[in-house]
Amino acid sequence: METLILSIDTINQMLNRFIWGPVMLALFLGIGLMFTVRTGFFQLFKIRLWLGNTLFACFKKTDARKTKDKNSISQFQALCTALASTMGTGNIAGVATAIAAGGPGTIFWMWLSAFLGMMTGFAEKTLGIKYRYKNKDGFWVGGAMVYIERGLGLKWLAVLFSIFCAFASFGIGNMAQINSISSSLYNSFDIPPIWTGVVVASLVSLVIMGGIKRIAKVTEKLVPLMSLLYMIGAFAVLAANADAIPSAFSLIMKEAFQVKSVGGGIAGYGVATAMRIGISRGVFSNEAGLGSSVMVHSASDVKEPVIQGMWGMFEVFADTLVVCTLTALVILTSGVYNMETYLANTAANIPNLDGAPLTANCFSSVIPYGAQFVAVSILCFALATLIGWSYYGERAVEYLFGTKAVFPYKLCYVIVIVIGSVASIRLVWEISDTLNGFMAIPNLIALVLLSGEVVQLLRDYLKKQH
C-alpha cells in the first residue's frame, strides 16, 4: 500500500508541475485580463451596478427579471449553492497551506487571480444561461460542457471537460474537504477520523439524494449563517491585533516579489513559488475558470444572462477577496506564524504547523476555544462544499452516461468521503490541484473562443440601462 501511495505521489507531482507551470498560470491570469480589458474593467468601474444586481437585489420584494419556472431555483439559492462548493476548506485550511508552503506573498497572487477571475466567472455564468436548455423532465441543463457543445460544436471537448469534472469532484469537492474536517475535529476534539468520515458521509447522503431543490434549501440557510459567524470570529482576532494589520499587508506585498537569496542566510520563498501556489489556491477556493459552478447557476430563475454573470462575479469577490483575506490576516497578525521560523524548519526538513491546525492556533491566540470554533467552522464550510460539489459531479456523469449513472455516482461519492477522512493531507491537496488544472483546460479554451459573445451580451445589456 505504501509503495502504491508513493507511486501515485510521484506521478501526481510530475502532472502538477506540468499543469500548474508557467503556461497554465499565464492562461488563468491572461484570460481574466482579456475579459477585464475588453469589458473596460467592469468589475471595478461598474461596482455599484453589479452589487445592485446581486447583494442588494436580495432585499427587493419582487423582481420582474425572474422566470416563473417551478423547476428552477432562485438566484440567491444558486449563489448559495455555488458558494457552498467554493467556501470550503480553501478559505480556512487552503489559505494556511498556501502561506506555509509559499509564504505571505501567495496572498497577493491570490488577490490578483481573484480580481481578474471575477470577469472569468462573469463570462462562465453568462454563457451558462445563454446556452442552457430544458430536459424532458422540465429541469434546466447547463454547464461548461453545454456551452462547449452548443456554442462551439465541439462535443469531444465537452466530453473531456465532463470526465475531468467527474474526477475532480472526488478531489476538490470531496477528499480535500472531508480530510480537513477529520483532521480539525481530531485535533480539537480528539474524534477519530474514521468516525468523522462515516457520520459526514451519512449526512451528505441524506441531502444529495433529494436533488438540486433539497441541496438549494440546505445551502441557502447554511452558507449565510456559517459565513457570518466565521467573519465575526475573524474580526474579533483582527480587532485584538489591529496594530499588526499594516505590517501584514506590507509583508504580503514585499514577499510577493521576493527573489530567493543566493548567498548566506535563509532564502526566501521566491516569486515563482508564491505565484504558483497563490494562483492555484485562489482557483481552488473560488473556482473561477474551472467551469464547475456554472452547472448550478444555470438552474437559476433568472432571465437575463448578464445578471447571472454578475452573480458569478460576486461569488469570486465574496469567497476570495473577503473571506480568504480575513483568514490570511488572522494568520499573519496573530503571532503564531513566523516566516523565518517556517523557512528554517523547511530547510532542516522539520514539519511546520500547517493547514487547519495553523488557522485554529491563530484563532485560539485570541478567542477562548478558538480551535474548537475553527473546527466547527470547517465542518460547516466543508460539509456545504461536499454537498455542492456532489451536484457538479452528478451533472457531469449524467452528461456522459445518462440518468442511470447518477445513483451509482452518488454511492461512490459517499464511499470516497469515508476514504478521504483518513488520507494524507498533502497528497490530497496536490491531487486536487492537479485535477482542477485538467478540468480548467477545456473550459478556458471555450471561454477564449466564445469571448466575443460575452462582450457583446454585456454591451447590449448596458445599452438597455441608458
Protein backbone atom coordinates (compact mmCIF):
# COMPACT_ATOMS: atom_id res chain seq x y z
CA MET A 1 0.00 0.00 0.00
CA GLU A 2 2.81 2.38 0.91
CA THR A 3 4.51 1.67 -2.44
CA LEU A 4 1.27 2.41 -4.30
CA ILE A 5 0.80 5.73 -2.49
CA LEU A 6 4.43 6.67 -3.23
CA SER A 7 3.92 5.89 -6.93
CA ILE A 8 0.72 7.95 -7.04
CA ASP A 9 2.52 10.81 -5.31
CA THR A 10 5.43 10.73 -7.80
CA ILE A 11 3.15 10.66 -10.86
CA ASN A 12 0.94 13.41 -9.43
CA GLN A 13 3.92 15.69 -8.72
CA MET A 14 5.01 15.37 -12.35
CA LEU A 15 1.50 16.18 -13.60
CA ASN A 16 1.13 19.01 -11.08
CA ARG A 17 4.34 20.71 -12.21
CA PHE A 18 3.13 20.48 -15.80
CA ILE A 19 -0.46 21.57 -15.29
CA TRP A 20 0.45 24.44 -12.92
CA GLY A 21 3.53 25.52 -14.85
CA PRO A 22 4.07 28.97 -16.39
CA VAL A 23 1.73 28.29 -19.32
CA MET A 24 -1.27 27.42 -17.15
CA LEU A 25 -0.69 30.34 -14.79
CA ALA A 26 -0.49 32.67 -17.80
CA LEU A 27 -3.75 31.21 -19.14
CA PHE A 28 -5.69 31.82 -15.92
CA LEU A 29 -4.40 35.35 -15.49
CA GLY A 30 -4.38 36.15 -19.21
CA ILE A 31 -7.99 35.14 -19.86
CA GLY A 32 -9.18 37.07 -16.80
CA LEU A 33 -7.17 40.07 -18.00
CA MET A 34 -8.62 39.73 -21.51
CA PHE A 35 -12.21 39.91 -20.22
CA THR A 36 -11.25 42.71 -17.81
CA VAL A 37 -9.77 44.87 -20.59
CA ARG A 38 -12.46 44.07 -23.19
CA THR A 39 -15.24 44.97 -20.73
CA GLY A 40 -13.49 48.19 -19.62
CA PHE A 41 -12.60 46.90 -16.14
CA PHE A 42 -16.26 46.18 -15.48
CA GLN A 43 -15.63 44.64 -12.04
CA LEU A 44 -14.01 47.89 -10.89
CA PHE A 45 -15.83 50.75 -12.64
CA LYS A 46 -19.32 49.20 -12.52
CA ILE A 47 -19.16 48.00 -8.93
CA ARG A 48 -22.39 49.79 -8.00
CA LEU A 49 -24.20 48.11 -10.88
CA TRP A 50 -23.16 44.54 -10.16
CA LEU A 51 -23.57 44.89 -6.40
CA GLY A 52 -27.03 46.38 -7.00
CA ASN A 53 -27.99 43.37 -9.11
CA THR A 54 -26.62 40.83 -6.64
CA LEU A 55 -26.18 41.59 -2.94
CA PHE A 56 -28.65 44.48 -2.76
CA ALA A 57 -31.16 42.69 -5.02
CA CYS A 58 -31.69 40.20 -2.18
CA PHE A 59 -33.61 42.91 -0.30
CA LYS A 60 -36.10 43.55 -3.12
CA LYS A 61 -39.55 42.00 -2.69
CA THR A 62 -40.27 41.35 -6.36
CA ASP A 63 -38.13 41.14 -9.45
CA ALA A 64 -39.59 41.12 -12.98
CA ARG A 65 -36.31 39.74 -14.29
CA LYS A 66 -37.08 36.33 -12.82
CA THR A 67 -38.85 33.46 -14.54
CA LYS A 68 -41.91 31.75 -13.07
CA ASP A 69 -40.37 28.32 -13.54
CA LYS A 70 -41.26 25.99 -10.67
CA ASN A 71 -38.33 23.67 -11.50
CA SER A 72 -35.71 26.40 -11.21
CA ILE A 73 -34.11 27.76 -8.06
CA SER A 74 -33.75 31.41 -7.03
CA GLN A 75 -30.68 33.42 -7.93
CA PHE A 76 -29.81 33.61 -4.22
CA GLN A 77 -30.15 29.83 -3.88
CA ALA A 78 -27.94 29.40 -6.95
CA LEU A 79 -25.34 31.71 -5.38
CA CYS A 80 -25.51 29.92 -2.01
CA THR A 81 -25.15 26.51 -3.63
CA ALA A 82 -22.22 27.79 -5.69
CA LEU A 83 -20.68 29.44 -2.61
CA ALA A 84 -21.29 26.21 -0.71
CA SER A 85 -18.95 24.49 -3.14
CA THR A 86 -16.37 27.29 -3.10
CA MET A 87 -16.47 28.43 0.54
CA GLY A 88 -14.90 25.27 1.87
CA THR A 89 -11.58 24.38 3.33
CA GLY A 90 -9.88 26.55 0.72
CA ASN A 91 -10.90 29.57 2.80
CA ILE A 92 -9.56 28.19 6.08
CA ALA A 93 -7.12 25.32 5.57
CA GLY A 94 -6.22 26.27 1.97
CA VAL A 95 -5.06 29.78 2.88
CA ALA A 96 -2.97 28.40 5.76
CA THR A 97 -1.46 25.76 3.49
CA ALA A 98 -0.62 28.40 0.89
CA ILE A 99 1.15 30.66 3.41
CA ALA A 100 3.03 27.72 4.97
CA ALA A 101 4.18 26.39 1.58
CA GLY A 102 4.76 29.61 -0.35
CA GLY A 103 4.96 32.43 2.20
CA PRO A 104 2.80 35.54 2.73
CA GLY A 105 3.41 36.61 -0.88
CA THR A 106 1.00 33.92 -2.06
CA ILE A 107 -1.89 36.08 -0.80
CA PHE A 108 -1.08 38.86 -3.30
CA TRP A 109 -1.23 36.39 -6.19
CA MET A 110 -4.45 35.00 -4.75
CA TRP A 111 -5.88 38.53 -4.80
CA LEU A 112 -4.74 39.14 -8.36
CA SER A 113 -6.16 35.86 -9.61
CA ALA A 114 -9.47 36.67 -7.86
CA PHE A 115 -9.68 40.24 -9.23
CA LEU A 116 -9.16 39.01 -12.78
CA GLY A 117 -11.11 35.82 -12.04
CA MET A 118 -14.21 37.89 -11.29
CA MET A 119 -14.54 38.52 -15.02
CA THR A 120 -13.74 34.90 -15.86
CA GLY A 121 -16.58 33.90 -13.52
CA PHE A 122 -18.80 36.51 -15.16
CA ALA A 123 -18.14 35.03 -18.60
CA GLU A 124 -18.82 31.46 -17.45
CA LYS A 125 -22.17 32.20 -15.83
CA THR A 126 -23.31 34.45 -18.69
CA LEU A 127 -22.62 31.70 -21.21
CA GLY A 128 -24.22 29.16 -18.90
CA ILE A 129 -27.57 30.98 -19.00
CA LYS A 130 -27.36 31.71 -22.73
CA TYR A 131 -26.84 28.08 -23.75
CA ARG A 132 -28.86 26.21 -21.10
CA TYR A 133 -31.85 24.12 -22.14
CA LYS A 134 -34.60 22.06 -20.50
CA ASN A 135 -34.54 18.29 -20.36
CA LYS A 136 -37.59 16.05 -20.81
CA ASP A 137 -38.49 16.45 -17.12
CA GLY A 138 -38.58 20.24 -17.38
CA PHE A 139 -35.37 20.94 -15.47
CA TRP A 140 -32.65 23.29 -16.71
CA VAL A 141 -29.50 21.65 -18.05
CA GLY A 142 -26.41 23.82 -18.25
CA GLY A 143 -22.71 23.98 -17.56
CA ALA A 144 -19.41 24.39 -19.32
CA MET A 145 -19.97 21.16 -21.26
CA VAL A 146 -23.23 22.60 -22.62
CA TYR A 147 -21.76 25.85 -23.97
CA ILE A 148 -18.74 23.93 -25.26
CA GLU A 149 -21.02 21.61 -27.22
CA ARG A 150 -23.72 24.08 -28.27
CA GLY A 151 -21.59 27.20 -28.59
CA LEU A 152 -18.57 25.67 -30.28
CA GLY A 153 -19.97 22.42 -31.66
CA LEU A 154 -17.08 20.53 -30.04
CA LYS A 155 -18.73 17.51 -28.45
CA TRP A 156 -15.39 15.78 -27.81
CA LEU A 157 -14.14 18.78 -25.80
CA ALA A 158 -17.37 18.84 -23.79
CA VAL A 159 -16.92 15.13 -23.03
CA LEU A 160 -13.34 15.78 -21.95
CA PHE A 161 -14.47 18.53 -19.57
CA SER A 162 -17.16 16.28 -18.08
CA ILE A 163 -14.66 13.47 -17.47
CA PHE A 164 -12.25 15.79 -15.68
CA CYS A 165 -15.11 17.37 -13.71
CA ALA A 166 -16.38 13.97 -12.53
CA PHE A 167 -12.90 13.03 -11.30
CA ALA A 168 -12.31 16.49 -9.78
CA SER A 169 -15.49 16.18 -7.73
CA PHE A 170 -13.79 13.40 -5.78
CA GLY A 171 -10.74 15.62 -5.15
CA ILE A 172 -11.52 19.33 -4.65
CA GLY A 173 -15.13 18.68 -3.67
CA ASN A 174 -14.75 15.54 -1.61
CA MET A 175 -11.42 14.27 -0.26
CA ALA A 176 -9.89 17.69 0.38
CA GLN A 177 -12.99 18.73 2.31
CA ILE A 178 -13.50 15.65 4.47
CA ASN A 179 -9.76 15.46 5.15
CA SER A 180 -9.80 18.93 6.66
CA ILE A 181 -12.93 18.15 8.65
CA SER A 182 -11.49 14.94 10.11
CA SER A 183 -8.08 16.43 10.93
CA SER A 184 -9.54 19.53 12.59
CA LEU A 185 -12.06 17.54 14.65
CA TYR A 186 -9.32 15.12 15.70
CA ASN A 187 -7.00 17.97 16.76
CA SER A 188 -9.75 19.89 18.59
CA PHE A 189 -12.00 17.17 20.00
CA ASP A 190 -9.87 14.01 19.64
CA ILE A 191 -12.53 12.41 17.41
CA PRO A 192 -11.11 9.50 15.34
CA PRO A 193 -11.04 10.48 11.61
CA ILE A 194 -12.85 7.33 10.50
CA TRP A 195 -15.81 8.16 12.76
CA THR A 196 -15.97 11.62 11.23
CA GLY A 197 -15.91 10.11 7.76
CA VAL A 198 -18.81 7.76 8.48
CA VAL A 199 -21.02 10.42 10.12
CA VAL A 200 -20.38 13.08 7.45
CA ALA A 201 -20.94 10.54 4.67
CA SER A 202 -24.32 9.72 6.22
CA LEU A 203 -25.33 13.40 6.48
CA VAL A 204 -24.27 14.17 2.91
CA SER A 205 -26.15 11.17 1.53
CA LEU A 206 -29.39 12.36 3.16
CA VAL A 207 -29.11 15.71 1.36
CA ILE A 208 -27.80 14.78 -2.09
CA MET A 209 -30.35 12.03 -2.63
CA GLY A 210 -33.03 14.75 -2.66
CA GLY A 211 -31.71 16.51 -5.78
CA ILE A 212 -31.00 20.19 -6.51
CA LYS A 213 -34.12 21.55 -4.76
CA ARG A 214 -33.14 19.97 -1.43
CA ILE A 215 -29.48 20.94 -1.92
CA ALA A 216 -30.51 24.56 -2.56
CA LYS A 217 -32.78 24.66 0.51
CA VAL A 218 -29.96 23.43 2.75
CA THR A 219 -27.25 25.71 1.34
CA GLU A 220 -29.34 28.91 1.36
CA LYS A 221 -29.64 28.52 5.15
CA LEU A 222 -26.20 27.09 5.91
CA VAL A 223 -23.96 29.37 3.80
CA PRO A 224 -25.06 32.82 5.07
CA LEU A 225 -25.04 31.65 8.71
CA MET A 226 -21.64 29.97 8.62
CA SER A 227 -20.08 32.85 6.67
CA LEU A 228 -21.38 35.44 9.14
CA LEU A 229 -20.19 33.51 12.21
CA TYR A 230 -16.74 32.89 10.73
CA MET A 231 -16.32 36.56 9.75
CA ILE A 232 -17.34 37.69 13.26
CA GLY A 233 -14.68 35.40 14.74
CA ALA A 234 -12.06 36.68 12.30
CA PHE A 235 -12.89 40.31 13.04
CA ALA A 236 -12.53 39.58 16.77
CA VAL A 237 -8.98 38.31 16.22
CA LEU A 238 -8.11 41.23 13.96
CA ALA A 239 -9.51 43.73 16.47
CA ALA A 240 -7.19 42.32 19.12
CA ASN A 241 -4.21 42.56 16.74
CA ALA A 242 -5.21 45.73 14.90
CA ASP A 243 -1.74 47.29 15.23
CA ALA A 244 -0.23 44.38 13.27
CA ILE A 245 -2.55 44.68 10.25
CA PRO A 246 -0.46 47.32 8.36
CA SER A 247 2.65 45.15 8.80
CA ALA A 248 0.76 42.13 7.48
CA PHE A 249 -0.22 43.96 4.30
CA SER A 250 3.35 45.20 3.91
CA LEU A 251 4.73 41.67 4.29
CA ILE A 252 2.29 40.32 1.70
CA MET A 253 3.36 42.91 -0.90
CA LYS A 254 7.06 42.55 -0.13
CA GLU A 255 7.10 38.75 -0.28
CA ALA A 256 5.01 38.64 -3.47
CA PHE A 257 8.05 39.87 -5.37
CA GLN A 258 10.80 38.43 -3.15
CA VAL A 259 13.64 36.78 -5.08
CA LYS A 260 15.46 33.95 -3.30
CA SER A 261 18.77 34.97 -1.77
CA VAL A 262 21.87 33.38 -3.26
CA GLY A 263 24.41 33.85 -0.50
CA GLY A 264 24.28 33.02 3.21
CA GLY A 265 21.27 33.28 5.41
CA ILE A 266 17.81 31.85 4.96
CA ALA A 267 16.49 32.04 1.40
CA GLY A 268 13.05 33.46 0.70
CA TYR A 269 10.20 31.53 -0.86
CA GLY A 270 10.69 33.05 -4.32
CA VAL A 271 8.29 34.74 -6.73
CA ALA A 272 7.67 31.63 -8.84
CA THR A 273 6.66 29.57 -5.81
CA ALA A 274 4.42 32.33 -4.45
CA MET A 275 2.75 32.77 -7.86
CA ARG A 276 2.18 29.07 -8.45
CA ILE A 277 0.75 28.36 -5.01
CA GLY A 278 -1.19 31.63 -4.71
CA ILE A 279 -2.92 31.30 -8.07
CA SER A 280 -3.65 27.58 -7.73
CA ARG A 281 -5.04 28.04 -4.19
CA GLY A 282 -7.09 31.03 -5.40
CA VAL A 283 -8.58 28.91 -8.18
CA PHE A 284 -9.14 26.07 -5.69
CA SER A 285 -11.06 28.45 -3.45
CA ASN A 286 -13.21 30.45 -5.91
CA GLU A 287 -13.18 28.03 -8.90
CA ALA A 288 -13.09 30.87 -11.46
CA GLY A 289 -12.01 29.31 -14.74
CA LEU A 290 -12.90 25.75 -13.78
CA GLY A 291 -16.43 25.96 -15.18
CA SER A 292 -17.80 23.89 -12.30
CA SER A 293 -20.28 26.24 -10.61
CA VAL A 294 -21.85 27.13 -13.99
CA MET A 295 -23.98 24.00 -13.54
CA VAL A 296 -25.85 25.29 -10.52
CA HIS A 297 -26.03 28.88 -11.80
CA SER A 298 -27.71 27.50 -14.93
CA ALA A 299 -30.59 26.26 -12.76
CA SER A 300 -31.39 29.83 -11.64
CA ASP A 301 -34.74 31.51 -12.29
CA VAL A 302 -33.02 34.48 -13.98
CA LYS A 303 -34.00 35.63 -17.49
CA GLU A 304 -31.02 37.84 -18.37
CA PRO A 305 -27.65 36.04 -18.86
CA VAL A 306 -25.65 39.11 -17.82
CA ILE A 307 -27.46 39.30 -14.46
CA GLN A 308 -26.35 35.77 -13.61
CA GLY A 309 -22.86 36.71 -14.80
CA MET A 310 -22.84 39.39 -12.11
CA TRP A 311 -23.74 36.78 -9.50
CA GLY A 312 -20.69 34.87 -10.73
CA MET A 313 -18.56 37.96 -10.09
CA PHE A 314 -19.96 38.38 -6.59
CA GLU A 315 -19.24 34.71 -5.87
CA VAL A 316 -15.49 35.18 -6.54
CA PHE A 317 -15.43 38.52 -4.69
CA ALA A 318 -17.07 37.14 -1.53
CA ASP A 319 -15.09 33.92 -1.48
CA THR A 320 -11.53 35.14 -2.06
CA LEU A 321 -11.30 38.91 -1.69
CA VAL A 322 -13.34 38.86 1.53
CA VAL A 323 -13.22 35.51 3.36
CA CYS A 324 -9.77 34.31 2.25
CA THR A 325 -8.29 37.74 3.03
CA LEU A 326 -9.73 37.63 6.54
CA THR A 327 -8.16 34.22 7.15
CA ALA A 328 -4.79 35.41 5.80
CA LEU A 329 -4.79 38.49 8.03
CA VAL A 330 -5.72 36.40 11.08
CA ILE A 331 -2.72 34.12 10.41
CA LEU A 332 -0.27 36.95 9.73
CA THR A 333 -1.30 39.16 12.69
CA SER A 334 -1.76 36.56 15.44
CA GLY A 335 1.95 35.90 16.00
CA VAL A 336 1.55 32.14 15.62
CA TYR A 337 3.04 32.14 12.13
CA ASN A 338 6.64 33.35 11.76
CA MET A 339 8.10 33.35 8.26
CA GLU A 340 11.76 32.97 9.28
CA THR A 341 10.96 30.02 11.54
CA TYR A 342 8.97 28.30 8.80
CA LEU A 343 11.79 28.78 6.28
CA ALA A 344 14.38 27.46 8.73
CA ASN A 345 12.21 24.41 9.52
CA THR A 346 11.71 23.72 5.82
CA ALA A 347 15.45 23.90 5.19
CA ALA A 348 16.05 21.48 8.08
CA ASN A 349 13.21 19.13 6.99
CA ILE A 350 11.29 19.89 10.19
CA PRO A 351 7.48 19.79 9.72
CA ASN A 352 5.68 23.12 10.13
CA LEU A 353 2.24 23.68 11.61
CA ASP A 354 0.05 23.64 8.51
CA GLY A 355 -3.50 23.69 7.19
CA ALA A 356 -6.47 23.84 9.55
CA PRO A 357 -4.37 23.40 12.75
CA LEU A 358 -2.40 26.57 11.88
CA THR A 359 -5.59 28.59 11.43
CA ALA A 360 -7.03 27.06 14.61
CA ASN A 361 -4.00 28.08 16.68
CA CYS A 362 -4.25 31.63 15.33
CA PHE A 363 -7.90 31.92 16.41
CA SER A 364 -7.04 30.34 19.78
CA SER A 365 -4.49 33.08 20.45
CA VAL A 366 -7.39 35.50 20.97
CA ILE A 367 -10.68 33.60 21.19
CA PRO A 368 -11.35 31.10 24.02
CA TYR A 369 -11.89 27.70 22.44
CA GLY A 370 -10.68 29.17 19.17
CA ALA A 371 -9.50 25.79 17.90
CA GLN A 372 -12.95 24.35 18.50
CA PHE A 373 -14.52 27.36 16.76
CA VAL A 374 -12.37 26.76 13.68
CA ALA A 375 -13.12 23.03 13.77
CA VAL A 376 -16.86 23.69 13.76
CA SER A 377 -16.42 26.36 11.03
CA ILE A 378 -14.53 23.89 8.86
CA LEU A 379 -17.20 21.28 9.50
CA CYS A 380 -19.92 23.65 8.25
CA PHE A 381 -17.92 25.07 5.33
CA ALA A 382 -16.66 21.72 4.13
CA LEU A 383 -20.00 19.97 4.63
CA ALA A 384 -21.60 22.58 2.36
CA THR A 385 -18.82 22.07 -0.20
CA LEU A 386 -19.31 18.30 -0.15
CA ILE A 387 -23.00 18.85 -0.88
CA GLY A 388 -22.45 21.44 -3.62
CA TRP A 389 -19.75 19.50 -5.46
CA SER A 390 -21.81 16.32 -5.48
CA TYR A 391 -24.22 18.16 -7.77
CA TYR A 392 -21.42 19.16 -10.16
CA GLY A 393 -20.14 15.62 -10.39
CA GLU A 394 -23.69 14.35 -10.82
CA ARG A 395 -24.29 16.72 -13.77
CA ALA A 396 -21.03 15.66 -15.41
CA VAL A 397 -21.79 11.95 -15.00
CA GLU A 398 -25.32 12.41 -16.31
CA TYR A 399 -23.96 14.24 -19.36
CA LEU A 400 -21.56 11.36 -20.04
CA PHE A 401 -23.70 8.32 -19.25
CA GLY A 402 -27.28 9.44 -18.76
CA THR A 403 -29.54 9.46 -15.69
CA LYS A 404 -28.96 5.75 -14.98
CA ALA A 405 -25.41 6.55 -13.85
CA VAL A 406 -26.41 9.19 -11.28
CA PHE A 407 -27.22 6.87 -8.38
CA PRO A 408 -24.00 4.78 -8.71
CA TYR A 409 -22.06 8.06 -8.82
CA LYS A 410 -23.72 9.29 -5.61
CA LEU A 411 -22.94 5.99 -3.94
CA CYS A 412 -19.25 6.21 -4.91
CA TYR A 413 -19.17 9.83 -3.78
CA VAL A 414 -20.38 8.87 -0.31
CA ILE A 415 -17.86 6.00 -0.04
CA VAL A 416 -14.95 8.28 -1.04
CA ILE A 417 -15.90 10.60 1.84
CA VAL A 418 -15.00 7.82 4.27
CA ILE A 419 -11.73 7.07 2.44
CA GLY A 420 -10.75 10.75 2.31
CA SER A 421 -11.19 11.16 6.06
CA VAL A 422 -8.02 9.09 6.71
CA ALA A 423 -5.91 10.11 3.67
CA SER A 424 -2.66 12.13 3.68
CA ILE A 425 -3.42 15.86 3.73
CA ARG A 426 -0.51 16.90 1.48
CA LEU A 427 -1.26 14.29 -1.18
CA VAL A 428 -4.98 15.10 -1.12
CA TRP A 429 -4.36 18.81 -1.74
CA GLU A 430 -1.83 18.18 -4.52
CA ILE A 431 -4.09 15.70 -6.33
CA SER A 432 -6.94 18.21 -6.05
CA ASP A 433 -4.76 20.93 -7.60
CA THR A 434 -3.86 18.60 -10.49
CA LEU A 435 -7.47 17.64 -11.19
CA ASN A 436 -8.51 21.31 -11.09
CA GLY A 437 -5.94 22.15 -13.73
CA PHE A 438 -7.04 19.40 -16.11
CA MET A 439 -10.70 20.39 -15.75
CA ALA A 440 -9.91 24.04 -16.47
CA ILE A 441 -8.22 23.43 -19.85
CA PRO A 442 -11.35 22.66 -21.94
CA ASN A 443 -13.28 25.43 -20.19
CA LEU A 444 -10.59 28.08 -20.75
CA ILE A 445 -10.39 27.15 -24.43
CA ALA A 446 -14.15 27.64 -24.75
CA LEU A 447 -14.06 30.98 -22.91
CA VAL A 448 -11.47 32.35 -25.32
CA LEU A 449 -13.38 31.18 -28.41
CA LEU A 450 -16.71 32.48 -27.07
CA SER A 451 -15.33 35.71 -25.58
CA GLY A 452 -16.84 37.84 -28.35
CA GLU A 453 -20.33 36.65 -27.43
CA VAL A 454 -19.80 37.50 -23.76
CA VAL A 455 -18.59 41.02 -24.54
CA GLN A 456 -21.50 41.61 -26.94
CA LEU A 457 -24.07 40.39 -24.41
CA LEU A 458 -22.68 42.82 -21.83
CA ARG A 459 -22.68 45.73 -24.31
CA ASP A 460 -26.29 45.03 -25.26
CA TYR A 461 -27.29 44.87 -21.60
CA LEU A 462 -25.55 48.15 -20.75
CA LYS A 463 -27.28 49.90 -23.68
CA LYS A 464 -30.64 48.91 -22.21
CA GLN A 465 -29.69 50.61 -18.91
CA HIS A 466 -29.40 54.03 -20.53
